[in-house]
Amino acid sequence: MATVKLVAHVVGAKAGKGDFNGVKYDYTKLNIELEQKKYPADADQWTAGLDVDSYNIGDSGKRHALTGVSFPCQMELELDITTKGNVVVGFKVIK
């Protein structure tokens, strides 16, 4: 597992806890703006502009750490890069 630090434009956050069809869920996620990968004009894939992806920061209790944050904002993030996705292990709003 690799850990990286980066500054990101965070456009929002969401949290949830409950049960859906017998499957329990409990999460807090940051919605992070990402630049699309650029492909050559003749490639089979094409993207333009920006995308947003949700990064897990922990269970729904982590939402309290976001109280008072005004979105969108810049954040310094510390991410664990894993085969199951990126997990935010530390974050700080940049004023």
Protein backbone atom coordinates (compact mmCIF):
# COMPACT_ATOMS: atom_id res chain seq x y z
CA MET A 1 0.00 0.00 0.00
CA ALA A 2 1.30 3.45 -0.93
CA THR A 3 0.45 6.71 0.81
CA VAL A 4 0.46 10.01 -1.07
CA LYS A 5 -0.27 13.64 -0.17
CA LEU A 6 -1.99 16.03 -2.53
CA VAL A 7 -4.04 19.21 -2.66
CA ALA A 8 -7.53 18.69 -4.09
CA HIS A 9 -10.63 20.70 -4.93
CA VAL A 10 -13.35 19.11 -2.77
CA VAL A 11 -16.84 19.96 -3.99
CA GLY A 12 -18.88 18.25 -1.28
CA ALA A 13 -19.27 15.41 1.20
CA LYS A 14 -21.84 12.79 2.08
CA ALA A 15 -22.44 10.35 4.91
CA GLY A 16 -24.84 7.50 5.45
CA LYS A 17 -25.60 4.69 7.86
CA GLY A 18 -28.27 2.07 7.65
CA ASP A 19 -29.39 -1.20 6.14
CA PHE A 20 -30.45 -1.85 2.54
CA ASN A 21 -31.95 -5.25 1.79
CA GLY A 22 -30.05 -6.79 4.70
CA VAL A 23 -26.71 -5.19 3.77
CA LYS A 24 -25.40 -2.75 6.37
CA TYR A 25 -23.59 0.43 5.27
CA ASP A 26 -21.77 3.13 7.24
CA TYR A 27 -19.61 5.72 5.47
CA THR A 28 -18.45 9.30 5.05
CA LYS A 29 -17.06 10.32 1.66
CA LEU A 30 -15.50 13.41 0.12
CA ASN A 31 -16.48 14.31 -3.46
CA ILE A 32 -13.24 15.33 -5.17
CA GLU A 33 -12.94 17.10 -8.51
CA LEU A 34 -10.55 15.35 -10.88
CA GLU A 35 -9.15 16.35 -14.24
CA GLN A 36 -10.03 13.91 -17.01
CA LYS A 37 -7.24 11.97 -18.68
CA LYS A 38 -6.58 13.36 -22.14
CA TYR A 39 -6.45 10.92 -25.06
CA PRO A 40 -5.16 11.53 -28.60
CA ALA A 41 -7.86 12.69 -31.04
CA ASP A 42 -7.81 9.34 -32.87
CA ALA A 43 -8.13 7.20 -29.72
CA ASP A 44 -11.12 4.93 -29.05
CA GLN A 45 -11.75 6.74 -25.74
CA TRP A 46 -12.46 10.44 -25.36
CA THR A 47 -13.04 12.66 -22.33
CA ALA A 48 -13.26 16.40 -21.77
CA GLY A 49 -13.41 18.66 -18.77
CA LEU A 50 -13.64 17.49 -15.18
CA ASP A 51 -15.01 14.51 -13.27
CA VAL A 52 -15.96 13.98 -9.62
CA ASP A 53 -15.13 10.86 -7.62
CA SER A 54 -16.05 9.91 -4.04
CA TYR A 55 -13.21 8.99 -1.67
CA ASN A 56 -13.98 7.18 1.59
CA ILE A 57 -12.80 8.85 4.80
CA GLY A 58 -14.34 6.39 7.27
CA ASP A 59 -17.63 5.62 8.97
CA SER A 60 -20.56 8.04 9.29
CA GLY A 61 -19.12 9.42 12.54
CA LYS A 62 -16.36 11.11 10.51
CA ARG A 63 -18.95 13.59 9.21
CA HIS A 64 -18.56 15.53 12.45
CA ALA A 65 -15.01 16.45 11.41
CA LEU A 66 -16.54 18.27 8.43
CA THR A 67 -18.96 20.40 10.46
CA GLY A 68 -18.45 24.04 9.54
CA VAL A 69 -16.53 23.33 6.33
CA SER A 70 -17.79 25.51 3.48
CA PHE A 71 -17.84 23.58 0.20
CA PRO A 72 -16.37 23.76 -2.36
CA CYS A 73 -12.92 24.15 -0.80
CA GLN A 74 -9.28 23.22 -1.20
CA MET A 75 -8.06 20.41 1.06
CA GLU A 76 -4.71 18.83 1.70
CA LEU A 77 -5.39 15.09 1.56
CA GLU A 78 -3.37 12.09 2.64
CA LEU A 79 -4.46 9.02 0.65
CA ASP A 80 -3.77 5.33 1.00
CA ILE A 81 -3.69 3.90 -2.52
CA THR A 82 -5.00 0.32 -2.44
CA THR A 83 -6.21 -2.26 -4.93
CA LYS A 84 -9.76 -1.62 -3.62
CA GLY A 85 -9.59 2.14 -4.19
CA ASN A 86 -8.23 5.26 -2.57
CA VAL A 87 -8.94 5.92 1.12
CA VAL A 88 -8.47 9.32 2.73
CA VAL A 89 -6.54 8.80 5.98
CA GLY A 90 -5.99 12.49 6.72
CA PHE A 91 -7.37 15.82 5.53
CA LYS A 92 -7.04 19.51 6.30
CA VAL A 93 -8.93 22.48 4.83
CA ILE A 94 -6.59 25.02 3.27
CA LYS A 95 -7.71 28.55 4.16
